[in-house]
């Protein structure tokens, strides 16, 4: 537990568990013959994986947030891992290239997350729906516990760090006031854990929207497109939900660098649509990539 005493490439203070999780995942993935490269939120540059005798099998790159929500670790609050998998576009058997990692989210072949709570669950998609698997410690393996997971079309939970309200764009402020209004089926319930995996998991099961917008302190948003937003957007759409930056589909955004940040809205379709209606009133706040 505690801090390492250094910062990662994001300028964020690294927790000991951040470093430990990063090392464990990199060590495990480099031993998989199907992986030719790894990009981690904790590393400035991607990591090439040297091809073995079976270099024709090294077809995939993995992008990973090893420990999402690590600021919660010291207070024993749920954290998670997020991963995204692409088929390489550079020639098989050759060194992996930056272009292999900067593919748009709509090119993902698989994505998922692991949530470490009272039980350990892996939620996973290969583009054919979303399934949840729970770890059975007695036999050391995962079993299918949540087949065909779906976002409810609508919900009554909104997840956003309201402590940053004064920094939010006006469209987000207006949407929050909409959520709090005593009208129709509102006010909605505010639930924010501070771990994307945890907030997302709850909202998918119960119905809701997660928002991490841009703001005066984070003009491009805070979440990383490649390590967090793309994989979660893939899961969202495969579960019948919607994911955008408030104006456009997340998985259509062209990445320009490994640690690019974007605003992120995801969850139940009707709730995201309504949030986008408020954002559309302020086209000047549309992100420029």
Protein backbone atom coordinates (compact mmCIF):
# COMPACT_ATOMS: atom_id res chain seq x y z
CA UNK A 1 0.00 0.00 0.00
CA UNK A 2 0.97 3.67 -0.31
CA UNK A 3 2.81 5.75 -2.90
CA UNK A 4 5.99 4.81 -4.73
CA UNK A 5 7.26 8.40 -4.58
CA UNK A 6 7.30 8.91 -8.35
CA UNK A 7 4.88 9.90 -11.11
CA UNK A 8 3.84 8.00 -14.23
CA UNK A 9 3.79 9.43 -17.75
CA UNK A 10 0.35 10.90 -16.96
CA UNK A 11 1.84 13.07 -14.20
CA UNK A 12 -0.07 11.04 -11.62
CA UNK A 13 1.45 9.82 -8.36
CA UNK A 14 2.07 6.09 -8.68
CA UNK A 15 0.81 3.72 -6.03
CA UNK A 16 2.87 0.67 -5.14
CA UNK A 17 -0.01 -1.45 -6.42
CA UNK A 18 0.10 0.43 -9.77
CA UNK A 19 3.70 -0.60 -10.26
CA UNK A 20 3.13 -4.15 -9.02
CA UNK A 21 0.07 -4.71 -11.24
CA UNK A 22 1.87 -3.25 -14.25
CA UNK A 23 4.87 -5.53 -13.78
CA UNK A 24 2.69 -8.62 -13.29
CA UNK A 25 0.61 -8.05 -16.42
CA UNK A 26 3.62 -7.22 -18.61
CA UNK A 27 5.45 -10.31 -17.38
CA UNK A 28 2.44 -12.52 -18.10
CA UNK A 29 1.66 -11.04 -21.52
CA UNK A 30 5.23 -11.20 -22.80
CA UNK A 31 5.13 -14.97 -22.30
CA UNK A 32 2.10 -15.32 -24.57
CA UNK A 33 3.19 -16.15 -28.11
CA UNK A 34 0.12 -14.46 -29.58
CA UNK A 35 1.12 -11.00 -28.26
CA UNK A 36 3.58 -8.89 -30.28
CA UNK A 37 3.32 -5.66 -28.28
CA UNK A 38 1.97 -4.12 -25.09
CA UNK A 39 1.03 -0.53 -24.26
CA UNK A 40 0.33 0.37 -20.65
CA UNK A 41 -1.06 3.49 -19.06
CA UNK A 42 1.94 3.34 -16.73
CA UNK A 43 4.62 3.36 -19.45
CA UNK A 44 5.58 6.22 -21.74
CA UNK A 45 6.33 3.99 -24.73
CA UNK A 46 4.89 0.71 -26.01
CA UNK A 47 6.76 -2.52 -25.28
CA UNK A 48 7.68 -4.74 -28.24
CA UNK A 49 7.45 -8.46 -27.56
CA UNK A 50 10.16 -10.36 -29.38
CA UNK A 51 8.83 -12.92 -31.81
CA UNK A 52 9.53 -16.55 -30.98
CA UNK A 53 9.82 -19.47 -33.38
CA UNK A 54 6.06 -19.20 -33.80
CA UNK A 55 6.21 -15.59 -34.99
CA UNK A 56 3.24 -16.16 -37.28
CA UNK A 57 1.11 -16.45 -34.13
CA UNK A 58 2.16 -13.02 -32.81
CA UNK A 59 -0.83 -11.21 -34.25
CA UNK A 60 -2.16 -9.10 -31.39
CA UNK A 61 -1.35 -5.97 -29.39
CA UNK A 62 -2.71 -5.42 -25.89
CA UNK A 63 -3.40 -2.02 -24.33
CA UNK A 64 -3.99 -2.01 -20.60
CA UNK A 65 -4.80 0.06 -17.55
CA UNK A 66 -3.31 -2.33 -14.99
CA UNK A 67 -5.03 -0.88 -11.93
CA UNK A 68 -7.97 1.43 -12.52
CA UNK A 69 -9.07 3.45 -9.48
CA UNK A 70 -5.80 2.81 -7.63
CA UNK A 71 -6.32 5.93 -5.49
CA UNK A 72 -9.02 3.87 -3.75
CA UNK A 73 -6.70 1.00 -2.87
CA UNK A 74 -5.43 2.41 0.42
CA UNK A 75 -9.00 2.75 1.72
CA UNK A 76 -10.08 -0.73 0.60
CA UNK A 77 -12.50 0.42 -2.11
CA UNK A 78 -13.08 -1.61 -5.28
CA UNK A 79 -10.52 -1.28 -8.08
CA UNK A 80 -10.15 -2.97 -11.45
CA UNK A 81 -8.15 -3.70 -14.61
CA UNK A 82 -9.14 -2.62 -18.15
CA UNK A 83 -7.76 -4.13 -21.35
CA UNK A 84 -8.16 -3.76 -25.10
CA UNK A 85 -6.96 -6.10 -27.87
CA UNK A 86 -6.29 -5.33 -31.55
CA UNK A 87 -5.01 -7.38 -34.43
CA UNK A 88 -1.75 -5.84 -35.60
CA UNK A 89 -1.70 -4.05 -38.97
CA UNK A 90 2.07 -4.22 -39.48
CA UNK A 91 3.45 -7.40 -41.12
CA UNK A 92 3.47 -10.46 -38.89
CA UNK A 93 6.96 -11.45 -37.79
CA UNK A 94 8.27 -7.87 -38.01
CA UNK A 95 8.78 -5.52 -35.02
CA UNK A 96 5.53 -4.02 -33.75
CA UNK A 97 4.89 -0.38 -34.77
CA UNK A 98 3.17 2.59 -33.13
CA UNK A 99 0.44 2.41 -35.79
CA UNK A 100 -0.58 -1.00 -34.40
CA UNK A 101 -1.64 0.70 -31.15
CA UNK A 102 -3.22 3.87 -32.59
CA UNK A 103 -6.07 2.10 -34.35
CA UNK A 104 -9.60 3.45 -33.73
CA UNK A 105 -11.75 1.63 -31.20
CA UNK A 106 -13.97 0.21 -33.94
CA UNK A 107 -11.03 -2.07 -34.89
CA UNK A 108 -10.88 -3.80 -31.51
CA UNK A 109 -11.19 -7.58 -31.60
CA UNK A 110 -11.76 -7.95 -27.86
CA UNK A 111 -11.95 -5.86 -24.69
CA UNK A 112 -12.85 -6.28 -21.08
CA UNK A 113 -12.26 -5.47 -17.47
CA UNK A 114 -11.67 -7.26 -14.20
CA UNK A 115 -13.34 -5.90 -11.07
CA UNK A 116 -11.79 -6.76 -7.71
CA UNK A 117 -14.60 -6.55 -5.18
CA UNK A 118 -16.26 -8.98 -2.77
CA UNK A 119 -15.80 -11.37 -5.66
CA UNK A 120 -13.47 -11.11 -8.65
CA UNK A 121 -15.25 -10.80 -11.99
CA UNK A 122 -14.03 -10.57 -15.56
CA UNK A 123 -16.42 -8.94 -18.04
CA UNK A 124 -15.46 -9.58 -21.64
CA UNK A 125 -16.51 -9.09 -25.25
CA UNK A 126 -15.22 -10.29 -28.61
CA UNK A 127 -17.87 -8.37 -30.52
CA UNK A 128 -20.60 -10.92 -29.95
CA UNK A 129 -22.23 -9.60 -26.82
CA UNK A 130 -20.90 -9.22 -23.28
CA UNK A 131 -20.43 -12.00 -20.75
CA UNK A 132 -19.36 -11.93 -17.10
CA UNK A 133 -17.24 -14.58 -15.43
CA UNK A 134 -16.73 -14.92 -11.66
CA UNK A 135 -13.59 -16.37 -10.13
CA UNK A 136 -14.14 -19.52 -8.07
CA UNK A 137 -11.13 -19.53 -5.68
CA UNK A 138 -11.75 -23.14 -4.70
CA UNK A 139 -10.82 -24.38 -8.16
CA UNK A 140 -8.81 -21.38 -9.38
CA UNK A 141 -10.83 -20.67 -12.49
CA UNK A 142 -13.63 -18.46 -13.79
CA UNK A 143 -17.15 -19.66 -14.52
CA UNK A 144 -19.84 -17.99 -16.61
CA UNK A 145 -22.01 -16.23 -14.04
CA UNK A 146 -23.53 -13.35 -16.05
CA UNK A 147 -24.33 -14.41 -19.63
CA UNK A 148 -25.40 -11.82 -22.22
CA UNK A 149 -25.07 -8.74 -20.03
CA UNK A 150 -27.11 -5.72 -21.14
CA UNK A 151 -27.48 -2.08 -20.19
CA UNK A 152 -31.11 -1.22 -19.42
CA UNK A 153 -32.36 1.20 -22.09
CA UNK A 154 -32.90 3.80 -19.37
CA UNK A 155 -31.76 4.21 -15.80
CA UNK A 156 -31.87 6.44 -12.75
CA UNK A 157 -28.20 6.64 -11.72
CA UNK A 158 -25.77 9.32 -12.83
CA UNK A 159 -22.07 8.95 -11.99
CA UNK A 160 -19.89 12.05 -12.11
CA UNK A 161 -17.51 13.81 -9.74
CA UNK A 162 -19.77 16.71 -8.79
CA UNK A 163 -16.95 18.24 -6.75
CA UNK A 164 -15.60 19.50 -10.08
CA UNK A 165 -18.93 21.11 -11.03
CA UNK A 166 -17.53 24.65 -11.36
CA UNK A 167 -15.00 23.40 -13.93
CA UNK A 168 -17.51 21.54 -16.15
CA UNK A 169 -18.72 22.78 -19.56
CA UNK A 170 -22.18 24.34 -19.47
CA UNK A 171 -23.86 21.39 -21.21
CA UNK A 172 -22.76 19.06 -18.41
CA UNK A 173 -23.89 21.52 -15.75
CA UNK A 174 -27.31 21.72 -17.41
CA UNK A 175 -27.57 17.93 -17.58
CA UNK A 176 -26.74 17.58 -13.88
CA UNK A 177 -29.50 20.06 -13.03
CA UNK A 178 -31.85 18.00 -15.25
CA UNK A 179 -30.92 14.86 -13.29
CA UNK A 180 -31.64 16.63 -10.01
CA UNK A 181 -34.98 18.16 -11.01
CA UNK A 182 -38.12 17.00 -9.20
CA UNK A 183 -39.96 16.13 -12.43
CA UNK A 184 -41.31 12.97 -14.08
CA UNK A 185 -39.16 10.04 -12.84
CA UNK A 186 -36.50 12.33 -11.41
CA UNK A 187 -34.47 13.24 -9.42
CA UNK A 188 -31.98 10.53 -10.30
CA UNK A 189 -29.61 8.97 -7.80
CA UNK A 190 -26.01 10.18 -7.75
CA UNK A 191 -23.44 7.39 -7.32
CA UNK A 192 -19.71 7.94 -7.87
CA UNK A 193 -16.98 5.61 -6.62
CA UNK A 194 -13.99 7.10 -8.41
CA UNK A 195 -13.11 3.86 -10.16
CA UNK A 196 -14.32 3.67 -13.77
CA UNK A 197 -14.60 -0.12 -13.64
CA UNK A 198 -16.73 -0.03 -10.49
CA UNK A 199 -19.04 2.76 -11.62
CA UNK A 200 -19.42 1.21 -15.08
CA UNK A 201 -20.14 -2.26 -13.68
CA UNK A 202 -22.91 -1.00 -11.40
CA UNK A 203 -24.48 1.13 -14.11
CA UNK A 204 -24.51 -1.73 -16.61
CA UNK A 205 -26.32 -3.96 -14.13
CA UNK A 206 -28.75 -1.34 -12.84
CA UNK A 207 -29.01 1.27 -15.58
CA UNK A 208 -27.23 4.61 -15.53
CA UNK A 209 -24.76 6.99 -17.12
CA UNK A 210 -21.08 7.61 -16.35
CA UNK A 211 -19.57 10.98 -17.26
CA UNK A 212 -16.01 12.26 -17.06
CA UNK A 213 -16.17 15.47 -19.11
CA UNK A 214 -13.67 18.05 -20.20
CA UNK A 215 -13.30 21.08 -17.97
CA UNK A 216 -11.28 24.15 -17.24
CA UNK A 217 -8.73 21.98 -15.39
CA UNK A 218 -8.80 19.14 -17.94
CA UNK A 219 -9.58 20.71 -21.37
CA UNK A 220 -9.30 17.35 -23.19
CA UNK A 221 -10.88 15.29 -20.41
CA UNK A 222 -8.96 13.06 -18.03
CA UNK A 223 -9.59 9.48 -19.17
CA UNK A 224 -7.29 7.89 -21.74
CA UNK A 225 -8.81 7.03 -25.11
CA UNK A 226 -6.76 3.87 -25.68
CA UNK A 227 -6.57 2.36 -22.20
CA UNK A 228 -9.97 3.25 -20.76
CA UNK A 229 -12.48 4.81 -23.15
CA UNK A 230 -12.14 2.55 -26.21
CA UNK A 231 -12.43 -0.76 -24.33
CA UNK A 232 -15.29 0.51 -22.17
CA UNK A 233 -17.03 1.92 -25.26
CA UNK A 234 -16.74 -1.46 -26.99
CA UNK A 235 -18.29 -3.18 -23.97
CA UNK A 236 -20.98 -0.51 -23.74
CA UNK A 237 -22.12 -0.88 -27.34
CA UNK A 238 -21.99 -4.67 -27.20
CA UNK A 239 -24.22 -4.49 -24.11
CA UNK A 240 -26.77 -2.30 -25.89
CA UNK A 241 -25.58 1.02 -24.46
CA UNK A 242 -23.96 4.09 -25.97
CA UNK A 243 -20.56 5.77 -25.56
CA UNK A 244 -19.47 9.19 -26.85
CA UNK A 245 -17.38 12.23 -26.01
CA UNK A 246 -20.61 14.20 -25.71
CA UNK A 247 -20.69 14.89 -29.45
CA UNK A 248 -19.38 11.89 -31.37
CA UNK A 249 -18.93 8.14 -31.02
CA UNK A 250 -15.86 7.26 -28.95
CA UNK A 251 -14.84 4.32 -31.14
CA UNK A 252 -14.63 6.51 -34.26
CA UNK A 253 -12.06 8.92 -32.78
CA UNK A 254 -8.67 8.68 -34.48
CA UNK A 255 -5.91 8.43 -31.87
CA UNK A 256 -2.88 10.67 -32.37
CA UNK A 257 -0.70 9.45 -29.49
CA UNK A 258 -0.62 6.68 -26.90
CA UNK A 259 -1.77 8.71 -23.93
CA UNK A 260 -4.45 10.83 -25.60
CA UNK A 261 -7.27 11.97 -23.32
CA UNK A 262 -10.93 12.47 -24.23
CA UNK A 263 -14.19 13.38 -22.48
CA UNK A 264 -16.28 10.27 -21.81
CA UNK A 265 -20.05 9.69 -21.61
CA UNK A 266 -21.29 6.10 -21.48
CA UNK A 267 -24.23 4.06 -20.29
CA UNK A 268 -27.92 3.52 -20.95
CA UNK A 269 -28.87 4.77 -24.42
CA UNK A 270 -31.65 7.15 -23.39
CA UNK A 271 -29.53 8.77 -20.70
CA UNK A 272 -26.56 9.32 -23.02
CA UNK A 273 -28.86 10.67 -25.73
CA UNK A 274 -30.32 13.16 -23.27
CA UNK A 275 -26.86 14.28 -22.12
CA UNK A 276 -25.85 14.78 -25.77
CA UNK A 277 -28.94 16.96 -26.30
CA UNK A 278 -27.64 19.34 -23.63
CA UNK A 279 -24.11 19.26 -25.04
CA UNK A 280 -25.37 20.03 -28.57
CA UNK A 281 -26.55 23.44 -27.33
CA UNK A 282 -22.89 24.42 -26.87
CA UNK A 283 -21.05 23.46 -30.07
CA UNK A 284 -18.12 25.66 -29.02
CA UNK A 285 -17.30 23.04 -26.36
CA UNK A 286 -16.92 20.22 -28.88
CA UNK A 287 -13.47 18.63 -28.44
CA UNK A 288 -10.84 19.19 -31.10
CA UNK A 289 -8.47 16.29 -31.66
